[in-house]
Structure formats: C-alpha cells, structure tokens
Amino acid sequence: MNKATVLMLGAILLTSSLGFAQQTPPAAETEKKLIEVGNKICPVSKNPVEGSEMGDHPVKFEYNGKIYNLCCPMCIKDFKTDPEKYSKIAEDEVKSAKK
C-alpha cells in the first residue's frame, strides 16, 4: 500500500468513528427514571418488607420501570417467574392502603 492509500483509510476510519461517538446520547438521557411503588407487603410471601425475620430493610427489585419491595432475596426468583402477577399484587396493595 502506498502512503496516500494508508492516509485515506485512516481518514475514513477516523470520520466513521466520530460519527458513532456523536450518536451516543449523554448519560443523563439514558438513565431510566424508575418509579418507587412503595409496597409495604411482599407480593410473593405476603410478609412485611421491613422488620421481617429476613432483616430490617426491603429487597428492591426493578421490573418494567418500577421498583418493588420484597421481603428477602429468595422472593426475587419467584417474582421473576410471574412478574405481571406479583407487580399487580404490589400495586393493588398500595392502592388499597391509600383509600
């Protein structure tokens, strides 16, 4: 390869890499705005999420842009098996508590 070809290929690579870099949105735009559901009862075990035998703090689990409180890490596995069911249980609990 001659010098002109090498320079041309270098310029093409540089230009194409700058195009990719500009297409990446800033970190602030890519962050998800998660919604804290605020359930006080674990939708899987029906135990309180705070002060249970598993500890004083709930386990947080994100699903579909929302954060659900669970009583222990073991409930995550069950939540994942049917997230629509358990997320509805948690949201219904919060709705009924507000009435």
PDB file of N, CA and C in Angstrom:
ATOM      1  N   MET A   1       0.841  -1.180   0.000  1.00  0.00           N
ATOM      2  CA  MET A   1       0.000   0.000   0.000  1.00  0.00           C
ATOM      3  C   MET A   1       0.884   1.240   0.000  1.00  0.00           C
ATOM      4  N   ASN A   2       0.418   2.231  -0.715  1.00  0.00           N
ATOM      5  CA  ASN A   2       1.195   3.460  -0.715  1.00  0.00           C
ATOM      6  C   ASN A   2       0.700   4.405   0.381  1.00  0.00           C
ATOM      7  N   LYS A   3       1.449   5.481   0.596  1.00  0.00           N
ATOM      8  CA  LYS A   3       1.143   6.426   1.674  1.00  0.00           C
ATOM      9  C   LYS A   3      -0.236   7.055   1.513  1.00  0.00           C
ATOM     10  N   ALA A   4      -0.618   7.372   0.305  1.00  0.00           N
ATOM     11  CA  ALA A   4      -1.908   8.022   0.054  1.00  0.00           C
ATOM     12  C   ALA A   4      -3.063   7.105   0.444  1.00  0.00           C
ATOM     13  N   THR A   5      -2.932   5.820   0.132  1.00  0.00           N
ATOM     14  CA  THR A   5      -3.979   4.857   0.472  1.00  0.00           C
ATOM     15  C   THR A   5      -4.104   4.716   1.987  1.00  0.00           C
ATOM     16  N   VAL A   6      -2.982   4.630   2.666  1.00  0.00           N
ATOM     17  CA  VAL A   6      -2.987   4.500   4.124  1.00  0.00           C
ATOM     18  C   VAL A   6      -3.619   5.734   4.758  1.00  0.00           C
ATOM     19  N   LEU A   7      -3.248   6.908   4.279  1.00  0.00           N
ATOM     20  CA  LEU A   7      -3.823   8.142   4.812  1.00  0.00           C
ATOM     21  C   LEU A   7      -5.326   8.209   4.554  1.00  0.00           C
ATOM     22  N   MET A   8      -5.738   7.786   3.384  1.00  0.00           N
ATOM     23  CA  MET A   8      -7.154   7.798   3.036  1.00  0.00           C
ATOM     24  C   MET A   8      -7.936   6.853   3.944  1.00  0.00           C
ATOM     25  N   LEU A   9      -7.426   5.645   4.158  1.00  0.00           N
ATOM     26  CA  LEU A   9      -8.100   4.687   5.041  1.00  0.00           C
ATOM     27  C   LEU A   9      -8.158   5.215   6.474  1.00  0.00           C
ATOM     28  N   GLY A  10      -7.086   5.833   6.929  1.00  0.00           N
ATOM     29  CA  GLY A  10      -7.064   6.418   8.271  1.00  0.00           C
ATOM     30  C   GLY A  10      -8.111   7.500   8.424  1.00  0.00           C
ATOM     31  N   ALA A  11      -8.237   8.345   7.408  1.00  0.00           N
ATOM     32  CA  ALA A  11      -9.233   9.421   7.449  1.00  0.00           C
ATOM     33  C   ALA A  11     -10.651   8.857   7.473  1.00  0.00           C
ATOM     34  N   ILE A  12     -10.891   7.819   6.703  1.00  0.00           N
ATOM     35  CA  ILE A  12     -12.216   7.183   6.679  1.00  0.00           C
ATOM     36  C   ILE A  12     -12.545   6.585   8.045  1.00  0.00           C
ATOM     37  N   LEU A  13     -11.599   5.875   8.628  1.00  0.00           N
ATOM     38  CA  LEU A  13     -11.822   5.270   9.943  1.00  0.00           C
ATOM     39  C   LEU A  13     -12.068   6.333  11.008  1.00  0.00           C
ATOM     40  N   LEU A  14     -11.308   7.395  10.986  1.00  0.00           N
ATOM     41  CA  LEU A  14     -11.454   8.472  11.954  1.00  0.00           C
ATOM     42  C   LEU A  14     -12.821   9.136  11.815  1.00  0.00           C
ATOM     43  N   THR A  15     -13.221   9.416  10.604  1.00  0.00           N
ATOM     44  CA  THR A  15     -14.506  10.058  10.348  1.00  0.00           C
ATOM     45  C   THR A  15     -15.663   9.165  10.783  1.00  0.00           C
ATOM     46  N   SER A  16     -15.585   7.882  10.457  1.00  0.00           N
ATOM     47  CA  SER A  16     -16.676   6.982  10.820  1.00  0.00           C
ATOM     48  C   SER A  16     -16.751   6.782  12.330  1.00  0.00           C
ATOM     49  N   SER A  17     -15.621   6.762  13.028  1.00  0.00           N
ATOM     50  CA  SER A  17     -15.651   6.593  14.483  1.00  0.00           C
ATOM     51  C   SER A  17     -16.212   7.836  15.157  1.00  0.00           C
ATOM     52  N   LEU A  18     -15.964   9.024  14.607  1.00  0.00           N
ATOM     53  CA  LEU A  18     -16.547  10.243  15.170  1.00  0.00           C
ATOM     54  C   LEU A  18     -18.061  10.240  15.006  1.00  0.00           C
ATOM     55  N   GLY A  19     -18.547   9.706  13.915  1.00  0.00           N
ATOM     56  CA  GLY A  19     -19.987   9.607  13.696  1.00  0.00           C
ATOM     57  C   GLY A  19     -20.651   8.734  14.741  1.00  0.00           C
ATOM     58  N   PHE A  20     -20.016   7.636  15.094  1.00  0.00           N
ATOM     59  CA  PHE A  20     -20.570   6.760  16.128  1.00  0.00           C
ATOM     60  C   PHE A  20     -20.549   7.438  17.486  1.00  0.00           C
ATOM     61  N   ALA A  21     -19.489   8.137  17.779  1.00  0.00           N
ATOM     62  CA  ALA A  21     -19.367   8.805  19.075  1.00  0.00           C
ATOM     63  C   ALA A  21     -20.440   9.869  19.237  1.00  0.00           C
ATOM     64  N   GLN A  22     -20.798  10.546  18.179  1.00  0.00           N
ATOM     65  CA  GLN A  22     -21.806  11.592  18.270  1.00  0.00           C
ATOM     66  C   GLN A  22     -23.210  11.028  18.396  1.00  0.00           C
ATOM     67  N   GLN A  23     -23.428   9.792  17.998  1.00  0.00           N
ATOM     68  CA  GLN A  23     -24.756   9.196  18.087  1.00  0.00           C
ATOM     69  C   GLN A  23     -25.084   8.709  19.492  1.00  0.00           C
ATOM     70  N   THR A  24     -24.104   8.597  20.348  1.00  0.00           N
ATOM     71  CA  THR A  24     -24.336   8.131  21.709  1.00  0.00           C
ATOM     72  C   THR A  24     -24.933   9.260  22.536  1.00  0.00           C
ATOM     73  N   PRO A  25     -26.136   9.059  23.098  1.00  0.00           N
ATOM     74  CA  PRO A  25     -26.745  10.127  23.892  1.00  0.00           C
ATOM     75  C   PRO A  25     -26.000  10.321  25.203  1.00  0.00           C
ATOM     76  N   PRO A  26     -26.074  11.517  25.776  1.00  0.00           N
ATOM     77  CA  PRO A  26     -25.434  11.753  27.072  1.00  0.00           C
ATOM     78  C   PRO A  26     -25.977  10.814  28.132  1.00  0.00           C
ATOM     79  N   ALA A  27     -25.166  10.550  29.157  1.00  0.00           N
ATOM     80  CA  ALA A  27     -25.548   9.605  30.212  1.00  0.00           C
ATOM     81  C   ALA A  27     -26.852   9.999  30.876  1.00  0.00           C
ATOM     82  N   ALA A  28     -27.100  11.275  31.050  1.00  0.00           N
ATOM     83  CA  ALA A  28     -28.327  11.724  31.715  1.00  0.00           C
ATOM     84  C   ALA A  28     -29.567  11.315  30.928  1.00  0.00           C
ATOM     85  N   GLU A  29     -29.466  11.274  29.601  1.00  0.00           N
ATOM     86  CA  GLU A  29     -30.612  10.897  28.791  1.00  0.00           C
ATOM     87  C   GLU A  29     -30.865   9.396  28.816  1.00  0.00           C
ATOM     88  N   THR A  30     -29.830   8.593  29.055  1.00  0.00           N
ATOM     89  CA  THR A  30     -30.005   7.151  29.031  1.00  0.00           C
ATOM     90  C   THR A  30     -30.447   6.596  30.380  1.00  0.00           C
ATOM     91  N   GLU A  31     -30.341   7.413  31.448  1.00  0.00           N
ATOM     92  CA  GLU A  31     -30.762   6.932  32.759  1.00  0.00           C
ATOM     93  C   GLU A  31     -32.266   6.727  32.773  1.00  0.00           C
ATOM     94  N   LYS A  32     -32.687   5.627  33.354  1.00  0.00           N
ATOM     95  CA  LYS A  32     -34.108   5.355  33.498  1.00  0.00           C
ATOM     96  C   LYS A  32     -34.639   6.137  34.689  1.00  0.00           C
ATOM     97  N   LYS A  33     -35.836   6.609  34.557  1.00  0.00           N
ATOM     98  CA  LYS A  33     -36.497   7.239  35.687  1.00  0.00           C
ATOM     99  C   LYS A  33     -37.404   6.166  36.284  1.00  0.00           C
ATOM    100  N   LEU A  34     -36.908   5.514  37.314  1.00  0.00           N
ATOM    101  CA  LEU A  34     -37.646   4.434  37.938  1.00  0.00           C
ATOM    102  C   LEU A  34     -38.662   4.984  38.926  1.00  0.00           C
ATOM    103  N   ILE A  35     -39.788   4.321  39.014  1.00  0.00           N
ATOM    104  CA  ILE A  35     -40.856   4.710  39.924  1.00  0.00           C
ATOM    105  C   ILE A  35     -40.852   3.761  41.106  1.00  0.00           C
ATOM    106  N   GLU A  36     -40.788   4.316  42.295  1.00  0.00           N
ATOM    107  CA  GLU A  36     -40.849   3.525  43.533  1.00  0.00           C
ATOM    108  C   GLU A  36     -42.321   3.231  43.809  1.00  0.00           C
ATOM    109  N   VAL A  37     -42.705   1.952  43.799  1.00  0.00           N
ATOM    110  CA  VAL A  37     -44.096   1.573  44.021  1.00  0.00           C
ATOM    111  C   VAL A  37     -44.490   1.845  45.472  1.00  0.00           C
ATOM    112  N   GLY A  38     -43.622   1.489  46.412  1.00  0.00           N
ATOM    113  CA  GLY A  38     -43.871   1.779  47.826  1.00  0.00           C
ATOM    114  C   GLY A  38     -44.676   0.731  48.564  1.00  0.00           C
ATOM    115  N   ASN A  39     -44.710  -0.484  48.049  1.00  0.00           N
ATOM    116  CA  ASN A  39     -45.466  -1.531  48.742  1.00  0.00           C
ATOM    117  C   ASN A  39     -44.789  -1.897  50.066  1.00  0.00           C
ATOM    118  N   LYS A  40     -45.613  -2.138  51.088  1.00  0.00           N
ATOM    119  CA  LYS A  40     -45.117  -2.478  52.430  1.00  0.00           C
ATOM    120  C   LYS A  40     -45.191  -3.983  52.711  1.00  0.00           C
ATOM    121  N   ILE A  41     -45.918  -4.696  51.855  1.00  0.00           N
ATOM    122  CA  ILE A  41     -46.079  -6.155  51.984  1.00  0.00           C
ATOM    123  C   ILE A  41     -45.449  -6.807  50.760  1.00  0.00           C
ATOM    124  N   CYS A  42     -44.691  -7.847  51.000  1.00  0.00           N
ATOM    125  CA  CYS A  42     -44.069  -8.578  49.893  1.00  0.00           C
ATOM    126  C   CYS A  42     -45.171  -9.249  49.068  1.00  0.00           C
ATOM    127  N   PRO A  43     -45.228  -8.995  47.761  1.00  0.00           N
ATOM    128  CA  PRO A  43     -46.271  -9.604  46.943  1.00  0.00           C
ATOM    129  C   PRO A  43     -46.108 -11.118  46.775  1.00  0.00           C
ATOM    130  N   VAL A  44     -44.937 -11.626  47.061  1.00  0.00           N
ATOM    131  CA  VAL A  44     -44.684 -13.064  46.896  1.00  0.00           C
ATOM    132  C   VAL A  44     -45.042 -13.822  48.172  1.00  0.00           C
ATOM    133  N   SER A  45     -44.468 -13.415  49.310  1.00  0.00           N
ATOM    134  CA  SER A  45     -44.652 -14.169  50.558  1.00  0.00           C
ATOM    135  C   SER A  45     -45.766 -13.635  51.438  1.00  0.00           C
ATOM    136  N   LYS A  46     -46.213 -12.417  51.161  1.00  0.00           N
ATOM    137  CA  LYS A  46     -47.230 -11.716  51.967  1.00  0.00           C
ATOM    138  C   LYS A  46     -46.695 -11.282  53.328  1.00  0.00           C
ATOM    139  N   ASN A  47     -45.382 -11.305  53.532  1.00  0.00           N
ATOM    140  CA  ASN A  47     -44.752 -10.842  54.765  1.00  0.00           C
ATOM    141  C   ASN A  47     -44.456  -9.349  54.654  1.00  0.00           C
ATOM    142  N   PRO A  48     -44.347  -8.655  55.793  1.00  0.00           N
ATOM    143  CA  PRO A  48     -43.921  -7.249  55.741  1.00  0.00           C
ATOM    144  C   PRO A  48     -42.521  -7.156  55.133  1.00  0.00           C
ATOM    145  N   VAL A  49     -42.280  -6.111  54.365  1.00  0.00           N
ATOM    146  CA  VAL A  49     -40.970  -5.985  53.732  1.00  0.00           C
ATOM    147  C   VAL A  49     -39.943  -5.370  54.675  1.00  0.00           C
ATOM    148  N   GLU A  50     -40.378  -4.733  55.744  1.00  0.00           N
ATOM    149  CA  GLU A  50     -39.467  -4.190  56.748  1.00  0.00           C
ATOM    150  C   GLU A  50     -39.749  -4.849  58.080  1.00  0.00           C
ATOM    151  N   GLY A  51     -38.700  -5.154  58.814  1.00  0.00           N
ATOM    152  CA  GLY A  51     -38.853  -5.741  60.130  1.00  0.00           C
ATOM    153  C   GLY A  51     -39.227  -7.218  60.118  1.00  0.00           C
ATOM    154  N   SER A  52     -39.038  -7.872  58.983  1.00  0.00           N
ATOM    155  CA  SER A  52     -39.323  -9.301  58.938  1.00  0.00           C
ATOM    156  C   SER A  52     -38.133 -10.070  59.493  1.00  0.00           C
ATOM    157  N   GLU A  53     -38.271 -11.355  59.601  1.00  0.00           N
ATOM    158  CA  GLU A  53     -37.161 -12.176  60.088  1.00  0.00           C
ATOM    159  C   GLU A  53     -35.966 -12.147  59.143  1.00  0.00           C
ATOM    160  N   MET A  54     -36.186 -11.656  57.927  1.00  0.00           N
ATOM    161  CA  MET A  54     -35.101 -11.592  56.948  1.00  0.00           C
ATOM    162  C   MET A  54     -34.282 -10.305  57.072  1.00  0.00           C
ATOM    163  N   GLY A  55     -34.758  -9.339  57.849  1.00  0.00           N
ATOM    164  CA  GLY A  55     -33.995  -8.103  58.023  1.00  0.00           C
ATOM    165  C   GLY A  55     -34.886  -6.891  58.144  1.00  0.00           C
ATOM    166  N   ASP A  56     -34.252  -5.771  58.373  1.00  0.00           N
ATOM    167  CA  ASP A  56     -34.994  -4.534  58.584  1.00  0.00           C
ATOM    168  C   ASP A  56     -35.250  -3.744  57.308  1.00  0.00           C
ATOM    169  N   HIS A  57     -34.597  -4.094  56.231  1.00  0.00           N
ATOM    170  CA  HIS A  57     -34.736  -3.325  55.004  1.00  0.00           C
ATOM    171  C   HIS A  57     -35.265  -4.196  53.883  1.00  0.00           C
ATOM    172  N   PRO A  58     -36.173  -3.651  53.077  1.00  0.00           N
ATOM    173  CA  PRO A  58     -36.706  -4.437  51.959  1.00  0.00           C
ATOM    174  C   PRO A  58     -35.655  -4.672  50.880  1.00  0.00           C
ATOM    175  N   VAL A  59     -35.856  -5.724  50.147  1.00  0.00           N
ATOM    176  CA  VAL A  59     -35.041  -6.006  48.974  1.00  0.00           C
ATOM    177  C   VAL A  59     -35.727  -5.298  47.814  1.00  0.00           C
ATOM    178  N   LYS A  60     -34.976  -4.511  47.073  1.00  0.00           N
ATOM    179  CA  LYS A  60     -35.533  -3.760  45.945  1.00  0.00           C
ATOM    180  C   LYS A  60     -35.377  -4.583  44.670  1.00  0.00           C
ATOM    181  N   PHE A  61     -36.446  -4.614  43.869  1.00  0.00           N
ATOM    182  CA  PHE A  61     -36.395  -5.331  42.594  1.00  0.00           C
ATOM    183  C   PHE A  61     -37.053  -4.468  41.530  1.00  0.00           C
ATOM    184  N   GLU A  62     -36.339  -4.234  40.435  1.00  0.00           N
ATOM    185  CA  GLU A  62     -36.852  -3.404  39.347  1.00  0.00           C
ATOM    186  C   GLU A  62     -37.512  -4.269  38.286  1.00  0.00           C
ATOM    187  N   TYR A  63     -38.711  -3.870  37.911  1.00  0.00           N
ATOM    188  CA  TYR A  63     -39.421  -4.547  36.826  1.00  0.00           C
ATOM    189  C   TYR A  63     -40.236  -3.500  36.068  1.00  0.00           C
ATOM    190  N   ASN A  64     -40.044  -3.450  34.791  1.00  0.00           N
ATOM    191  CA  ASN A  64     -40.844  -2.622  33.902  1.00  0.00           C
ATOM    192  C   ASN A  64     -40.839  -1.143  34.318  1.00  0.00           C
ATOM    193  N   GLY A  65     -39.675  -0.650  34.741  1.00  0.00           N
ATOM    194  CA  GLY A  65     -39.543   0.753  35.095  1.00  0.00           C
ATOM    195  C   GLY A  65     -40.008   1.112  36.492  1.00  0.00           C
ATOM    196  N   LYS A  66     -40.351   0.104  37.285  1.00  0.00           N
ATOM    197  CA  LYS A  66     -40.820   0.348  38.649  1.00  0.00           C
ATOM    198  C   LYS A  66     -39.999  -0.474  39.627  1.00  0.00           C
ATOM    199  N   ILE A  67     -39.878   0.043  40.856  1.00  0.00           N
ATOM    200  CA  ILE A  67     -39.144  -0.658  41.899  1.00  0.00           C
ATOM    201  C   ILE A  67     -40.145  -1.230  42.898  1.00  0.00           C
ATOM    202  N   TYR A  68     -40.061  -2.532  43.092  1.00  0.00           N
ATOM    203  CA  TYR A  68     -40.937  -3.237  44.025  1.00  0.00           C
ATOM    204  C   TYR A  68     -40.139  -3.669  45.245  1.00  0.00           C
ATOM    205  N   ASN A  69     -40.779  -3.640  46.405  1.00  0.00           N
ATOM    206  CA  ASN A  69     -40.152  -4.070  47.649  1.00  0.00           C
ATOM    207  C   ASN A  69     -40.502  -5.527  47.911  1.00  0.00           C
ATOM    208  N   LEU A  70     -39.494  -6.318  48.210  1.00  0.00           N
ATOM    209  CA  LEU A  70     -39.685  -7.721  48.563  1.00  0.00           C
ATOM    210  C   LEU A  70     -39.088  -7.936  49.943  1.00  0.00           C
ATOM    211  N   CYS A  71     -39.509  -9.001  50.622  1.00  0.00           N
ATOM    212  CA  CYS A  71     -39.028  -9.213  51.988  1.00  0.00           C
ATOM    213  C   CYS A  71     -37.646  -9.849  52.050  1.00  0.00           C
ATOM    214  N   CYS A  72     -37.252 -10.554  50.992  1.00  0.00           N
ATOM    215  CA  CYS A  72     -35.964 -11.245  51.032  1.00  0.00           C
ATOM    216  C   CYS A  72     -35.479 -11.559  49.615  1.00  0.00           C
ATOM    217  N   PRO A  73     -34.211 -11.850  49.468  1.00  0.00           N
ATOM    218  CA  PRO A  73     -33.676 -12.174  48.137  1.00  0.00           C
ATOM    219  C   PRO A  73     -34.307 -13.422  47.514  1.00  0.00           C
ATOM    220  N   MET A  74     -34.775 -14.337  48.349  1.00  0.00           N
ATOM    221  CA  MET A  74     -35.369 -15.564  47.803  1.00  0.00           C
ATOM    222  C   MET A  74     -36.648 -15.280  47.016  1.00  0.00           C
ATOM    223  N   CYS A  75     -37.347 -14.189  47.346  1.00  0.00           N
ATOM    224  CA  CYS A  75     -38.594 -13.861  46.657  1.00  0.00           C
ATOM    225  C   CYS A  75     -38.354 -13.324  45.246  1.00  0.00           C
ATOM    226  N   ILE A  76     -37.146 -12.880  44.969  1.00  0.00           N
ATOM    227  CA  ILE A  76     -36.837 -12.380  43.627  1.00  0.00           C
ATOM    228  C   ILE A  76     -37.059 -13.468  42.585  1.00  0.00           C
ATOM    229  N   LYS A  77     -36.607 -14.667  42.883  1.00  0.00           N
ATOM    230  CA  LYS A  77     -36.746 -15.787  41.938  1.00  0.00           C
ATOM    231  C   LYS A  77     -38.222 -16.033  41.615  1.00  0.00           C
ATOM    232  N   ASP A  78     -39.073 -16.040  42.630  1.00  0.00           N
ATOM    233  CA  ASP A  78     -40.498 -16.263  42.394  1.00  0.00           C
ATOM    234  C   ASP A  78     -41.122 -15.084  41.649  1.00  0.00           C
ATOM    235  N   PHE A  79     -40.721 -13.872  42.006  1.00  0.00           N
ATOM    236  CA  PHE A  79     -41.244 -12.695  41.320  1.00  0.00           C
ATOM    237  C   PHE A  79     -40.948 -12.789  39.827  1.00  0.00           C
ATOM    238  N   LYS A  80     -39.736 -13.217  39.490  1.00  0.00           N
ATOM    239  CA  LYS A  80     -39.332 -13.328  38.089  1.00  0.00           C
ATOM    240  C   LYS A  80     -40.145 -14.362  37.317  1.00  0.00           C
ATOM    241  N   THR A  81     -40.684 -15.375  38.007  1.00  0.00           N
ATOM    242  CA  THR A  81     -41.453 -16.406  37.304  1.00  0.00           C
ATOM    243  C   THR A  81     -42.780 -15.871  36.779  1.00  0.00           C
ATOM    244  N   ASP A  82     -43.364 -14.873  37.472  1.00  0.00           N
ATOM    245  CA  ASP A  82     -44.631 -14.288  37.034  1.00  0.00           C
ATOM    246  C   ASP A  82     -44.687 -12.820  37.450  1.00  0.00           C
ATOM    247  N   PRO A  83     -43.866 -11.995  36.821  1.00  0.00           N
ATOM    248  CA  PRO A  83     -43.776 -10.597  37.245  1.00  0.00           C
ATOM    249  C   PRO A  83     -45.077  -9.811  37.100  1.00  0.00           C
ATOM    250  N   GLU A  84     -45.886 -10.136  36.114  1.00  0.00           N
ATOM    251  CA  GLU A  84     -47.168  -9.428  35.951  1.00  0.00           C
ATOM    252  C   GLU A  84     -48.075  -9.681  37.159  1.00  0.00           C
ATOM    253  N   LYS A  85     -48.123 -10.903  37.608  1.00  0.00           N
ATOM    254  CA  LYS A  85     -48.954 -11.276  38.762  1.00  0.00           C
ATOM    255  C   LYS A  85     -48.483 -10.544  40.019  1.00  0.00           C
ATOM    256  N   TYR A  86     -47.193 -10.634  40.298  1.00  0.00           N
ATOM    257  CA  TYR A  86     -46.680 -10.072  41.547  1.00  0.00           C
ATOM    258  C   TYR A  86     -46.636  -8.546  41.529  1.00  0.00           C
ATOM    259  N   SER A  87     -46.383  -7.957  40.376  1.00  0.00           N
ATOM    260  CA  SER A  87     -46.398  -6.495  40.314  1.00  0.00           C
ATOM    261  C   SER A  87     -47.815  -5.974  40.536  1.00  0.00           C
ATOM    262  N   LYS A  88     -48.806  -6.680  40.014  1.00  0.00           N
ATOM    263  CA  LYS A  88     -50.210  -6.276  40.222  1.00  0.00           C
ATOM    264  C   LYS A  88     -50.588  -6.404  41.692  1.00  0.00           C
ATOM    265  N   ILE A  89     -50.151  -7.462  42.340  1.00  0.00           N
ATOM    266  CA  ILE A  89     -50.430  -7.644  43.766  1.00  0.00           C
ATOM    267  C   ILE A  89     -49.848  -6.471  44.563  1.00  0.00           C
ATOM    268  N   ALA A  90     -48.613  -6.099  44.279  1.00  0.00           N
ATOM    269  CA  ALA A  90     -47.956  -4.998  44.995  1.00  0.00           C
ATOM    270  C   ALA A  90     -48.675  -3.678  44.742  1.00  0.00           C
ATOM    271  N   GLU A  91     -49.028  -3.413  43.493  1.00  0.00           N
ATOM    272  CA  GLU A  91     -49.698  -2.163  43.163  1.00  0.00           C
ATOM    273  C   GLU A  91     -51.099  -2.099  43.755  1.00  0.00           C
ATOM    274  N   ASP A  92     -51.805  -3.228  43.774  1.00  0.00           N
ATOM    275  CA  ASP A  92     -53.129  -3.266  44.401  1.00  0.00           C
ATOM    276  C   ASP A  92     -53.035  -3.004  45.906  1.00  0.00           C
ATOM    277  N   GLU A  93     -51.979  -3.520  46.535  1.00  0.00           N
ATOM    278  CA  GLU A  93     -51.786  -3.292  47.977  1.00  0.00           C
ATOM    279  C   GLU A  93     -51.597  -1.804  48.261  1.00  0.00           C
ATOM    280  N   VAL A  94     -50.805  -1.143  47.424  1.00  0.00           N
ATOM    281  CA  VAL A  94     -50.571   0.295  47.613  1.00  0.00           C
ATOM    282  C   VAL A  94     -51.842   1.092  47.389  1.00  0.00           C
ATOM    283  N   LYS A  95     -52.605   0.728  46.364  1.00  0.00           N
ATOM    284  CA  LYS A  95     -53.862   1.423  46.078  1.00  0.00           C
ATOM    285  C   LYS A  95     -54.841   1.284  47.244  1.00  0.00           C
ATOM    286  N   SER A  96     -54.973   0.075  47.775  1.00  0.00           N
ATOM    287  CA  SER A  96     -55.924  -0.137  48.881  1.00  0.00           C
ATOM    288  C   SER A  96     -55.463   0.565  50.164  1.00  0.00           C
ATOM    289  N   ALA A  97     -54.175   0.745  50.349  1.00  0.00           N
ATOM    290  CA  ALA A  97     -53.658   1.438  51.531  1.00  0.00           C
ATOM    291  C   ALA A  97     -53.950   2.935  51.459  1.00  0.00           C
ATOM    292  N   LYS A  98     -54.069   3.483  50.267  1.00  0.00           N
ATOM    293  CA  LYS A  98     -54.331   4.912  50.093  1.00  0.00           C
ATOM    294  C   LYS A  98     -55.790   5.269  50.308  1.00  0.00           C
ATOM    295  N   LYS A  99     -56.675   4.294  50.289  1.00  0.00           N
ATOM    296  CA  LYS A  99     -58.116   4.569  50.438  1.00  0.00           C
ATOM    297  C   LYS A  99     -58.476   4.873  51.860  1.00  0.00           C
TER     298      LYS A  99
END
